[in-house]
Amino acid sequence: MMALRGMKFSVPCVHSYLATAGYVYTVRGYKLQECKVYVDDIGPCYRQPVMAVDNKGQLGAYAPFSGFNNVDDWWKQIRRFVRDDRQLWLYKVEKAEGGHEE
C-alpha cells in the first residue's frame, strides 16, 4: 500500500475540531487536488478543495466549522502561516471511514 501524504494541523483548536466533529475547513497557501491524506493522531482523511480565497469575508460561512471562535481569529492565524502575496485556498478535510490505518 502506498503511504498517504501527511497534512499537518499544528493549531490545537483546528486539530481538535477535526477530531471531534469529523471534518474541518482549513485555509492553505497552496492549491492541491482532492486526495486522501494522513493526519497525525486522527488517521486517514479526505482533503477536498472548496475555493480560492481573496478576503476574509469569503470565510464567514465556514468559520463555525474551522475550530476558531470567529472569522477574525481564523484570518489572523491564516496570515501567520501564509504571506500576504500568496493565493489562499479553502479546503474541507474530513475523516475517512475506518479510523486509523497502519
PDB file of N, CA and C in Angstrom:
ATOM      1  N   MET A   1       0.830  -1.184   0.000  1.00  0.00           N
ATOM      2  CA  MET A   1       0.000   0.000   0.000  1.00  0.00           C
ATOM      3  C   MET A   1       0.875   1.248   0.000  1.00  0.00           C
ATOM      4  N   MET A   2       0.529   2.218  -0.800  1.00  0.00           N
ATOM      5  CA  MET A   2       1.283   3.451  -0.878  1.00  0.00           C
ATOM      6  C   MET A   2       0.984   4.318   0.345  1.00  0.00           C
ATOM      7  N   ALA A   3       2.035   4.925   0.911  1.00  0.00           N
ATOM      8  CA  ALA A   3       1.852   5.780   2.095  1.00  0.00           C
ATOM      9  C   ALA A   3       1.070   7.033   1.721  1.00  0.00           C
ATOM     10  N   LEU A   4       0.216   7.462   2.627  1.00  0.00           N
ATOM     11  CA  LEU A   4      -0.560   8.674   2.400  1.00  0.00           C
ATOM     12  C   LEU A   4       0.305   9.904   2.660  1.00  0.00           C
ATOM     13  N   ARG A   5       0.029  10.949   1.926  1.00  0.00           N
ATOM     14  CA  ARG A   5       0.699  12.218   2.149  1.00  0.00           C
ATOM     15  C   ARG A   5       0.200  12.784   3.481  1.00  0.00           C
ATOM     16  N   GLY A   6       1.109  13.322   4.269  1.00  0.00           N
ATOM     17  CA  GLY A   6       0.738  13.899   5.553  1.00  0.00           C
ATOM     18  C   GLY A   6       0.155  15.294   5.394  1.00  0.00           C
ATOM     19  N   MET A   7      -0.750  15.653   6.279  1.00  0.00           N
ATOM     20  CA  MET A   7      -1.289  17.006   6.342  1.00  0.00           C
ATOM     21  C   MET A   7      -1.237  17.423   7.797  1.00  0.00           C
ATOM     22  N   LYS A   8      -0.560  18.529   8.075  1.00  0.00           N
ATOM     23  CA  LYS A   8      -0.356  18.974   9.457  1.00  0.00           C
ATOM     24  C   LYS A   8      -1.457  19.930   9.913  1.00  0.00           C
ATOM     25  N   PHE A   9      -1.825  19.771  11.160  1.00  0.00           N
ATOM     26  CA  PHE A   9      -2.731  20.687  11.843  1.00  0.00           C
ATOM     27  C   PHE A   9      -2.059  21.060  13.153  1.00  0.00           C
ATOM     28  N   SER A  10      -1.205  22.091  13.110  1.00  0.00           N
ATOM     29  CA  SER A  10      -0.413  22.460  14.277  1.00  0.00           C
ATOM     30  C   SER A  10      -1.144  23.408  15.223  1.00  0.00           C
ATOM     31  N   VAL A  11      -2.292  23.946  14.813  1.00  0.00           N
ATOM     32  CA  VAL A  11      -3.089  24.807  15.690  1.00  0.00           C
ATOM     33  C   VAL A  11      -4.060  23.898  16.446  1.00  0.00           C
ATOM     34  N   PRO A  12      -3.943  23.837  17.776  1.00  0.00           N
ATOM     35  CA  PRO A  12      -4.729  22.867  18.546  1.00  0.00           C
ATOM     36  C   PRO A  12      -6.243  22.929  18.336  1.00  0.00           C
ATOM     37  N   CYS A  13      -6.824  24.117  18.216  1.00  0.00           N
ATOM     38  CA  CYS A  13      -8.286  24.199  18.075  1.00  0.00           C
ATOM     39  C   CYS A  13      -8.755  23.602  16.749  1.00  0.00           C
ATOM     40  N   VAL A  14      -7.927  23.664  15.727  1.00  0.00           N
ATOM     41  CA  VAL A  14      -8.288  23.115  14.416  1.00  0.00           C
ATOM     42  C   VAL A  14      -8.196  21.589  14.452  1.00  0.00           C
ATOM     43  N   HIS A  15      -7.099  21.079  14.991  1.00  0.00           N
ATOM     44  CA  HIS A  15      -6.913  19.633  15.125  1.00  0.00           C
ATOM     45  C   HIS A  15      -8.030  19.035  15.978  1.00  0.00           C
ATOM     46  N   SER A  16      -8.356  19.701  17.081  1.00  0.00           N
ATOM     47  CA  SER A  16      -9.399  19.233  17.981  1.00  0.00           C
ATOM     48  C   SER A  16     -10.771  19.213  17.302  1.00  0.00           C
ATOM     49  N   TYR A  17     -11.063  20.249  16.507  1.00  0.00           N
ATOM     50  CA  TYR A  17     -12.346  20.290  15.807  1.00  0.00           C
ATOM     51  C   TYR A  17     -12.461  19.127  14.820  1.00  0.00           C
ATOM     52  N   LEU A  18     -11.395  18.868  14.075  1.00  0.00           N
ATOM     53  CA  LEU A  18     -11.397  17.740  13.145  1.00  0.00           C
ATOM     54  C   LEU A  18     -11.609  16.430  13.900  1.00  0.00           C
ATOM     55  N   ALA A  19     -10.937  16.278  15.026  1.00  0.00           N
ATOM     56  CA  ALA A  19     -11.043  15.034  15.803  1.00  0.00           C
ATOM     57  C   ALA A  19     -12.457  14.813  16.332  1.00  0.00           C
ATOM     58  N   THR A  20     -13.107  15.877  16.797  1.00  0.00           N
ATOM     59  CA  THR A  20     -14.423  15.710  17.424  1.00  0.00           C
ATOM     60  C   THR A  20     -15.575  15.792  16.421  1.00  0.00           C
ATOM     61  N   ALA A  21     -15.508  16.713  15.465  1.00  0.00           N
ATOM     62  CA  ALA A  21     -16.604  16.896  14.509  1.00  0.00           C
ATOM     63  C   ALA A  21     -16.501  15.942  13.318  1.00  0.00           C
ATOM     64  N   GLY A  22     -15.290  15.470  13.040  1.00  0.00           N
ATOM     65  CA  GLY A  22     -15.100  14.568  11.910  1.00  0.00           C
ATOM     66  C   GLY A  22     -14.737  15.277  10.618  1.00  0.00           C
ATOM     67  N   TYR A  23     -14.753  16.606  10.639  1.00  0.00           N
ATOM     68  CA  TYR A  23     -14.359  17.402   9.475  1.00  0.00           C
ATOM     69  C   TYR A  23     -13.957  18.789   9.965  1.00  0.00           C
ATOM     70  N   VAL A  24     -13.261  19.523   9.121  1.00  0.00           N
ATOM     71  CA  VAL A  24     -12.882  20.903   9.434  1.00  0.00           C
ATOM     72  C   VAL A  24     -12.598  21.624   8.121  1.00  0.00           C
ATOM     73  N   TYR A  25     -12.832  22.932   8.112  1.00  0.00           N
ATOM     74  CA  TYR A  25     -12.434  23.764   6.977  1.00  0.00           C
ATOM     75  C   TYR A  25     -11.118  24.420   7.332  1.00  0.00           C
ATOM     76  N   THR A  26     -10.179  24.399   6.396  1.00  0.00           N
ATOM     77  CA  THR A  26      -8.853  24.935   6.626  1.00  0.00           C
ATOM     78  C   THR A  26      -8.390  25.705   5.404  1.00  0.00           C
ATOM     79  N   VAL A  27      -7.597  26.733   5.624  1.00  0.00           N
ATOM     80  CA  VAL A  27      -7.077  27.549   4.525  1.00  0.00           C
ATOM     81  C   VAL A  27      -5.576  27.341   4.443  1.00  0.00           C
ATOM     82  N   ARG A  28      -5.092  27.146   3.236  1.00  0.00           N
ATOM     83  CA  ARG A  28      -3.660  26.923   2.987  1.00  0.00           C
ATOM     84  C   ARG A  28      -3.193  27.835   1.864  1.00  0.00           C
ATOM     85  N   GLY A  29      -1.886  28.007   1.781  1.00  0.00           N
ATOM     86  CA  GLY A  29      -1.283  28.858   0.761  1.00  0.00           C
ATOM     87  C   GLY A  29      -0.846  28.083  -0.464  1.00  0.00           C
ATOM     88  N   TYR A  30      -1.498  26.992  -0.740  1.00  0.00           N
ATOM     89  CA  TYR A  30      -1.182  26.183  -1.919  1.00  0.00           C
ATOM     90  C   TYR A  30      -2.454  25.529  -2.436  1.00  0.00           C
ATOM     91  N   LYS A  31      -2.443  25.220  -3.719  1.00  0.00           N
ATOM     92  CA  LYS A  31      -3.580  24.553  -4.347  1.00  0.00           C
ATOM     93  C   LYS A  31      -3.199  23.113  -4.648  1.00  0.00           C
ATOM     94  N   LEU A  32      -3.996  22.192  -4.115  1.00  0.00           N
ATOM     95  CA  LEU A  32      -3.786  20.779  -4.358  1.00  0.00           C
ATOM     96  C   LEU A  32      -5.115  20.137  -4.713  1.00  0.00           C
ATOM     97  N   GLN A  33      -5.025  19.016  -5.406  1.00  0.00           N
ATOM     98  CA  GLN A  33      -6.231  18.301  -5.813  1.00  0.00           C
ATOM     99  C   GLN A  33      -6.816  17.520  -4.650  1.00  0.00           C
ATOM    100  N   GLU A  34      -8.041  17.086  -4.850  1.00  0.00           N
ATOM    101  CA  GLU A  34      -8.688  16.224  -3.863  1.00  0.00           C
ATOM    102  C   GLU A  34      -7.889  14.941  -3.738  1.00  0.00           C
ATOM    103  N   CYS A  35      -7.658  14.521  -2.508  1.00  0.00           N
ATOM    104  CA  CYS A  35      -6.952  13.261  -2.293  1.00  0.00           C
ATOM    105  C   CYS A  35      -7.102  12.828  -0.846  1.00  0.00           C
ATOM    106  N   LYS A  36      -6.642  11.634  -0.573  1.00  0.00           N
ATOM    107  CA  LYS A  36      -6.639  11.105   0.784  1.00  0.00           C
ATOM    108  C   LYS A  36      -5.305  11.497   1.421  1.00  0.00           C
ATOM    109  N   VAL A  37      -5.350  11.972   2.672  1.00  0.00           N
ATOM    110  CA  VAL A  37      -4.157  12.399   3.404  1.00  0.00           C
ATOM    111  C   VAL A  37      -4.152  11.732   4.774  1.00  0.00           C
ATOM    112  N   TYR A  38      -3.025  11.816   5.455  1.00  0.00           N
ATOM    113  CA  TYR A  38      -2.908  11.270   6.798  1.00  0.00           C
ATOM    114  C   TYR A  38      -2.663  12.411   7.779  1.00  0.00           C
ATOM    115  N   VAL A  39      -3.490  12.482   8.833  1.00  0.00           N
ATOM    116  CA  VAL A  39      -3.348  13.496   9.874  1.00  0.00           C
ATOM    117  C   VAL A  39      -2.937  12.791  11.163  1.00  0.00           C
ATOM    118  N   ASP A  40      -1.815  13.232  11.748  1.00  0.00           N
ATOM    119  CA  ASP A  40      -1.326  12.626  12.988  1.00  0.00           C
ATOM    120  C   ASP A  40      -2.402  12.631  14.063  1.00  0.00           C
ATOM    121  N   ASP A  41      -2.493  11.545  14.802  1.00  0.00           N
ATOM    122  CA  ASP A  41      -3.430  11.336  15.904  1.00  0.00           C
ATOM    123  C   ASP A  41      -4.892  11.279  15.471  1.00  0.00           C
ATOM    124  N   ILE A  42      -5.148  11.316  14.168  1.00  0.00           N
ATOM    125  CA  ILE A  42      -6.517  11.210  13.661  1.00  0.00           C
ATOM    126  C   ILE A  42      -6.625  10.061  12.674  1.00  0.00           C
ATOM    127  N   GLY A  43      -5.672   9.990  11.738  1.00  0.00           N
ATOM    128  CA  GLY A  43      -5.682   8.915  10.755  1.00  0.00           C
ATOM    129  C   GLY A  43      -5.983   9.427   9.366  1.00  0.00           C
ATOM    130  N   PRO A  44      -6.448   8.550   8.490  1.00  0.00           N
ATOM    131  CA  PRO A  44      -6.705   8.942   7.105  1.00  0.00           C
ATOM    132  C   PRO A  44      -7.903   9.888   7.007  1.00  0.00           C
ATOM    133  N   CYS A  45      -7.748  10.878   6.138  1.00  0.00           N
ATOM    134  CA  CYS A  45      -8.785  11.881   5.900  1.00  0.00           C
ATOM    135  C   CYS A  45      -8.837  12.175   4.407  1.00  0.00           C
ATOM    136  N   TYR A  46      -9.948  12.747   3.974  1.00  0.00           N
ATOM    137  CA  TYR A  46     -10.084  13.221   2.598  1.00  0.00           C
ATOM    138  C   TYR A  46      -9.945  14.739   2.579  1.00  0.00           C
ATOM    139  N   ARG A  47      -9.089  15.245   1.703  1.00  0.00           N
ATOM    140  CA  ARG A  47      -8.916  16.684   1.534  1.00  0.00           C
ATOM    141  C   ARG A  47      -9.585  17.083   0.229  1.00  0.00           C
ATOM    142  N   GLN A  48     -10.569  17.998   0.322  1.00  0.00           N
ATOM    143  CA  GLN A  48     -11.303  18.456  -0.857  1.00  0.00           C
ATOM    144  C   GLN A  48     -11.131  19.964  -1.018  1.00  0.00           C
ATOM    145  N   PRO A  49     -10.643  20.423  -2.173  1.00  0.00           N
ATOM    146  CA  PRO A  49     -10.589  21.868  -2.398  1.00  0.00           C
ATOM    147  C   PRO A  49     -12.000  22.435  -2.515  1.00  0.00           C
ATOM    148  N   VAL A  50     -12.208  23.601  -1.927  1.00  0.00           N
ATOM    149  CA  VAL A  50     -13.518  24.243  -1.959  1.00  0.00           C
ATOM    150  C   VAL A  50     -13.482  25.467  -2.871  1.00  0.00           C
ATOM    151  N   MET A  51     -12.513  26.387  -2.627  1.00  0.00           N
ATOM    152  CA  MET A  51     -12.450  27.602  -3.443  1.00  0.00           C
ATOM    153  C   MET A  51     -11.174  28.383  -3.153  1.00  0.00           C
ATOM    154  N   ALA A  52     -10.841  29.278  -4.073  1.00  0.00           N
ATOM    155  CA  ALA A  52      -9.789  30.261  -3.834  1.00  0.00           C
ATOM    156  C   ALA A  52     -10.351  31.319  -2.897  1.00  0.00           C
ATOM    157  N   VAL A  53      -9.507  31.848  -2.027  1.00  0.00           N
ATOM    158  CA  VAL A  53      -9.935  32.852  -1.055  1.00  0.00           C
ATOM    159  C   VAL A  53      -9.142  34.130  -1.287  1.00  0.00           C
ATOM    160  N   ASP A  54      -9.879  35.225  -1.488  1.00  0.00           N
ATOM    161  CA  ASP A  54      -9.238  36.524  -1.707  1.00  0.00           C
ATOM    162  C   ASP A  54      -9.373  37.462  -0.516  1.00  0.00           C
ATOM    163  N   ASN A  55     -10.341  37.204   0.366  1.00  0.00           N
ATOM    164  CA  ASN A  55     -10.513  38.061   1.537  1.00  0.00           C
ATOM    165  C   ASN A  55     -11.262  37.306   2.625  1.00  0.00           C
ATOM    166  N   LYS A  56     -11.153  37.786   3.846  1.00  0.00           N
ATOM    167  CA  LYS A  56     -11.745  37.061   4.968  1.00  0.00           C
ATOM    168  C   LYS A  56     -13.269  37.031   4.920  1.00  0.00           C
ATOM    169  N   GLY A  57     -13.883  37.968   4.219  1.00  0.00           N
ATOM    170  CA  GLY A  57     -15.332  37.965   4.095  1.00  0.00           C
ATOM    171  C   GLY A  57     -15.866  36.699   3.452  1.00  0.00           C
ATOM    172  N   GLN A  58     -15.060  36.084   2.593  1.00  0.00           N
ATOM    173  CA  GLN A  58     -15.470  34.844   1.937  1.00  0.00           C
ATOM    174  C   GLN A  58     -15.537  33.665   2.907  1.00  0.00           C
ATOM    175  N   LEU A  59     -14.920  33.805   4.068  1.00  0.00           N
ATOM    176  CA  LEU A  59     -14.817  32.692   5.006  1.00  0.00           C
ATOM    177  C   LEU A  59     -15.894  32.682   6.077  1.00  0.00           C
ATOM    178  N   GLY A  60     -16.722  33.724   6.124  1.00  0.00           N
ATOM    179  CA  GLY A  60     -17.714  33.847   7.193  1.00  0.00           C
ATOM    180  C   GLY A  60     -18.588  32.624   7.387  1.00  0.00           C
ATOM    181  N   ALA A  61     -19.077  32.052   6.304  1.00  0.00           N
ATOM    182  CA  ALA A  61     -19.970  30.894   6.398  1.00  0.00           C
ATOM    183  C   ALA A  61     -19.234  29.634   6.855  1.00  0.00           C
ATOM    184  N   TYR A  62     -17.913  29.621   6.701  1.00  0.00           N
ATOM    185  CA  TYR A  62     -17.124  28.437   7.056  1.00  0.00           C
ATOM    186  C   TYR A  62     -16.499  28.548   8.441  1.00  0.00           C
ATOM    187  N   ALA A  63     -16.438  29.752   9.001  1.00  0.00           N
ATOM    188  CA  ALA A  63     -15.769  29.984  10.286  1.00  0.00           C
ATOM    189  C   ALA A  63     -16.280  29.090  11.415  1.00  0.00           C
ATOM    190  N   PRO A  64     -17.613  28.853  11.519  1.00  0.00           N
ATOM    191  CA  PRO A  64     -18.086  27.984  12.610  1.00  0.00           C
ATOM    192  C   PRO A  64     -17.565  26.551  12.523  1.00  0.00           C
ATOM    193  N   PHE A  65     -17.026  26.181  11.379  1.00  0.00           N
ATOM    194  CA  PHE A  65     -16.550  24.813  11.156  1.00  0.00           C
ATOM    195  C   PHE A  65     -15.028  24.762  10.970  1.00  0.00           C
ATOM    196  N   SER A  66     -14.345  25.801  11.481  1.00  0.00           N
ATOM    197  CA  SER A  66     -12.894  25.923  11.325  1.00  0.00           C
ATOM    198  C   SER A  66     -12.129  25.603  12.602  1.00  0.00           C
ATOM    199  N   GLY A  67     -12.839  25.523  13.716  1.00  0.00           N
ATOM    200  CA  GLY A  67     -12.179  25.347  15.006  1.00  0.00           C
ATOM    201  C   GLY A  67     -11.938  26.668  15.712  1.00  0.00           C
ATOM    202  N   PHE A  68     -12.123  27.780  15.009  1.00  0.00           N
ATOM    203  CA  PHE A  68     -11.934  29.107  15.599  1.00  0.00           C
ATOM    204  C   PHE A  68     -13.270  29.676  16.062  1.00  0.00           C
ATOM    205  N   ASN A  69     -13.210  30.639  16.976  1.00  0.00           N
ATOM    206  CA  ASN A  69     -14.420  31.256  17.527  1.00  0.00           C
ATOM    207  C   ASN A  69     -15.077  32.215  16.555  1.00  0.00           C
ATOM    208  N   ASN A  70     -14.296  32.799  15.659  1.00  0.00           N
ATOM    209  CA  ASN A  70     -14.840  33.772  14.706  1.00  0.00           C
ATOM    210  C   ASN A  70     -13.890  33.916  13.526  1.00  0.00           C
ATOM    211  N   VAL A  71     -14.351  34.565  12.487  1.00  0.00           N
ATOM    212  CA  VAL A  71     -13.568  34.686  11.258  1.00  0.00           C
ATOM    213  C   VAL A  71     -12.332  35.564  11.467  1.00  0.00           C
ATOM    214  N   ASP A  72     -12.400  36.557  12.353  1.00  0.00           N
ATOM    215  CA  ASP A  72     -11.238  37.417  12.600  1.00  0.00           C
ATOM    216  C   ASP A  72     -10.083  36.637  13.217  1.00  0.00           C
ATOM    217  N   ASP A  73     -10.381  35.789  14.190  1.00  0.00           N
ATOM    218  CA  ASP A  73      -9.328  34.961  14.801  1.00  0.00           C
ATOM    219  C   ASP A  73      -8.745  34.001  13.773  1.00  0.00           C
ATOM    220  N   TRP A  74      -9.609  33.431  12.953  1.00  0.00           N
ATOM    221  CA  TRP A  74      -9.154  32.500  11.917  1.00  0.00           C
ATOM    222  C   TRP A  74      -8.255  33.232  10.927  1.00  0.00           C
ATOM    223  N   TRP A  75      -8.659  34.405  10.479  1.00  0.00           N
ATOM    224  CA  TRP A  75      -7.889  35.170   9.499  1.00  0.00           C
ATOM    225  C   TRP A  75      -6.511  35.550  10.047  1.00  0.00           C
ATOM    226  N   LYS A  76      -6.458  35.950  11.320  1.00  0.00           N
ATOM    227  CA  LYS A  76      -5.159  36.285  11.936  1.00  0.00           C
ATOM    228  C   LYS A  76      -4.227  35.085  11.901  1.00  0.00           C
ATOM    229  N   GLN A  77      -4.752  33.918  12.199  1.00  0.00           N
ATOM    230  CA  GLN A  77      -3.934  32.705  12.186  1.00  0.00           C
ATOM    231  C   GLN A  77      -3.496  32.356  10.762  1.00  0.00           C
ATOM    232  N   ILE A  78      -4.376  32.504   9.801  1.00  0.00           N
ATOM    233  CA  ILE A  78      -4.020  32.243   8.397  1.00  0.00           C
ATOM    234  C   ILE A  78      -2.846  33.121   8.001  1.00  0.00           C
ATOM    235  N   ARG A  79      -2.896  34.384   8.358  1.00  0.00           N
ATOM    236  CA  ARG A  79      -1.843  35.329   7.971  1.00  0.00           C
ATOM    237  C   ARG A  79      -0.542  35.095   8.721  1.00  0.00           C
ATOM    238  N   ARG A  80      -0.565  34.365   9.817  1.00  0.00           N
ATOM    239  CA  ARG A  80       0.682  33.966  10.490  1.00  0.00           C
ATOM    240  C   ARG A  80       1.400  32.889   9.678  1.00  0.00           C
ATOM    241  N   PHE A  81       0.614  32.070   8.980  1.00  0.00           N
ATOM    242  CA  PHE A  81       1.178  30.953   8.219  1.00  0.00           C
ATOM    243  C   PHE A  81       1.452  31.281   6.755  1.00  0.00           C
ATOM    244  N   VAL A  82       0.673  32.179   6.162  1.00  0.00           N
ATOM    245  CA  VAL A  82       0.755  32.425   4.720  1.00  0.00           C
ATOM    246  C   VAL A  82       1.020  33.907   4.454  1.00  0.00           C
ATOM    247  N   ARG A  83       2.053  34.179   3.670  1.00  0.00           N
ATOM    248  CA  ARG A  83       2.397  35.568   3.315  1.00  0.00           C
ATOM    249  C   ARG A  83       1.252  36.237   2.565  1.00  0.00           C
ATOM    250  N   ASP A  84       1.193  37.556   2.664  1.00  0.00           N
ATOM    251  CA  ASP A  84       0.125  38.333   2.026  1.00  0.00           C
ATOM    252  C   ASP A  84       0.085  38.196   0.512  1.00  0.00           C
ATOM    253  N   ASP A  85       1.221  37.906  -0.108  1.00  0.00           N
ATOM    254  CA  ASP A  85       1.250  37.857  -1.576  1.00  0.00           C
ATOM    255  C   ASP A  85       0.909  36.476  -2.145  1.00  0.00           C
ATOM    256  N   ARG A  86       0.588  35.520  -1.299  1.00  0.00           N
ATOM    257  CA  ARG A  86       0.246  34.171  -1.761  1.00  0.00           C
ATOM    258  C   ARG A  86      -1.258  34.021  -1.906  1.00  0.00           C
ATOM    259  N   GLN A  87      -1.673  33.310  -2.923  1.00  0.00           N
ATOM    260  CA  GLN A  87      -3.096  32.970  -3.093  1.00  0.00           C
ATOM    261  C   GLN A  87      -3.489  31.986  -1.999  1.00  0.00           C
ATOM    262  N   LEU A  88      -4.665  32.162  -1.434  1.00  0.00           N
ATOM    263  CA  LEU A  88      -5.169  31.270  -0.400  1.00  0.00           C
ATOM    264  C   LEU A  88      -6.201  30.309  -0.991  1.00  0.00           C
ATOM    265  N   TRP A  89      -6.275  29.118  -0.400  1.00  0.00           N
ATOM    266  CA  TRP A  89      -7.209  28.092  -0.857  1.00  0.00           C
ATOM    267  C   TRP A  89      -7.911  27.481   0.341  1.00  0.00           C
ATOM    268  N   LEU A  90      -9.223  27.367   0.256  1.00  0.00           N
ATOM    269  CA  LEU A  90     -10.025  26.750   1.296  1.00  0.00           C
ATOM    270  C   LEU A  90     -10.220  25.277   0.976  1.00  0.00           C
ATOM    271  N   TYR A  91     -10.026  24.439   1.995  1.00  0.00           N
ATOM    272  CA  TYR A  91     -10.224  23.000   1.862  1.00  0.00           C
ATOM    273  C   TYR A  91     -11.172  22.503   2.944  1.00  0.00           C
ATOM    274  N   LYS A  92     -11.910  21.465   2.610  1.00  0.00           N
ATOM    275  CA  LYS A  92     -12.637  20.703   3.624  1.00  0.00           C
ATOM    276  C   LYS A  92     -11.849  19.413   3.833  1.00  0.00           C
ATOM    277  N   VAL A  93     -11.517  19.138   5.086  1.00  0.00           N
ATOM    278  CA  VAL A  93     -10.818  17.906   5.426  1.00  0.00           C
ATOM    279  C   VAL A  93     -11.759  17.091   6.303  1.00  0.00           C
ATOM    280  N   GLU A  94     -12.008  15.862   5.871  1.00  0.00           N
ATOM    281  CA  GLU A  94     -12.987  15.011   6.540  1.00  0.00           C
ATOM    282  C   GLU A  94     -12.369  13.655   6.866  1.00  0.00           C
ATOM    283  N   LYS A  95     -12.609  13.180   8.071  1.00  0.00           N
ATOM    284  CA  LYS A  95     -12.088  11.868   8.456  1.00  0.00           C
ATOM    285  C   LYS A  95     -12.630  10.799   7.523  1.00  0.00           C
ATOM    286  N   ALA A  96     -11.746   9.914   7.107  1.00  0.00           N
ATOM    287  CA  ALA A  96     -12.149   8.783   6.269  1.00  0.00           C
ATOM    288  C   ALA A  96     -12.792   7.716   7.145  1.00  0.00           C
ATOM    289  N   GLU A  97     -13.655   6.937   6.555  1.00  0.00           N
ATOM    290  CA  GLU A  97     -14.267   5.827   7.305  1.00  0.00           C
ATOM    291  C   GLU A  97     -13.181   4.839   7.701  1.00  0.00           C
ATOM    292  N   GLY A  98     -13.343   4.250   8.861  1.00  0.00           N
ATOM    293  CA  GLY A  98     -12.411   3.207   9.288  1.00  0.00           C
ATOM    294  C   GLY A  98     -11.352   3.668  10.248  1.00  0.00           C
ATOM    295  N   GLY A  99     -11.206   4.967  10.501  1.00  0.00           N
ATOM    296  CA  GLY A  99     -10.258   5.440  11.511  1.00  0.00           C
ATOM    297  C   GLY A  99      -8.818   5.211  11.131  1.00  0.00           C
ATOM    298  N   HIS A 100      -7.989   4.895  12.118  1.00  0.00           N
ATOM    299  CA  HIS A 100      -6.547   4.759  11.910  1.00  0.00           C
ATOM    300  C   HIS A 100      -6.208   3.583  11.009  1.00  0.00           C
ATOM    301  N   GLU A 101      -5.210   3.820  10.160  1.00  0.00           N
ATOM    302  CA  GLU A 101      -4.655   2.751   9.321  1.00  0.00           C
ATOM    303  C   GLU A 101      -3.165   2.697   9.566  1.00  0.00           C
ATOM    304  N   GLU A 102      -2.595   1.558   9.372  1.00  0.00           N
ATOM    305  CA  GLU A 102      -1.130   1.413   9.524  1.00  0.00           C
ATOM    306  C   GLU A 102      -0.438   1.815   8.247  1.00  0.00           C
TER     307      GLU A 102
END
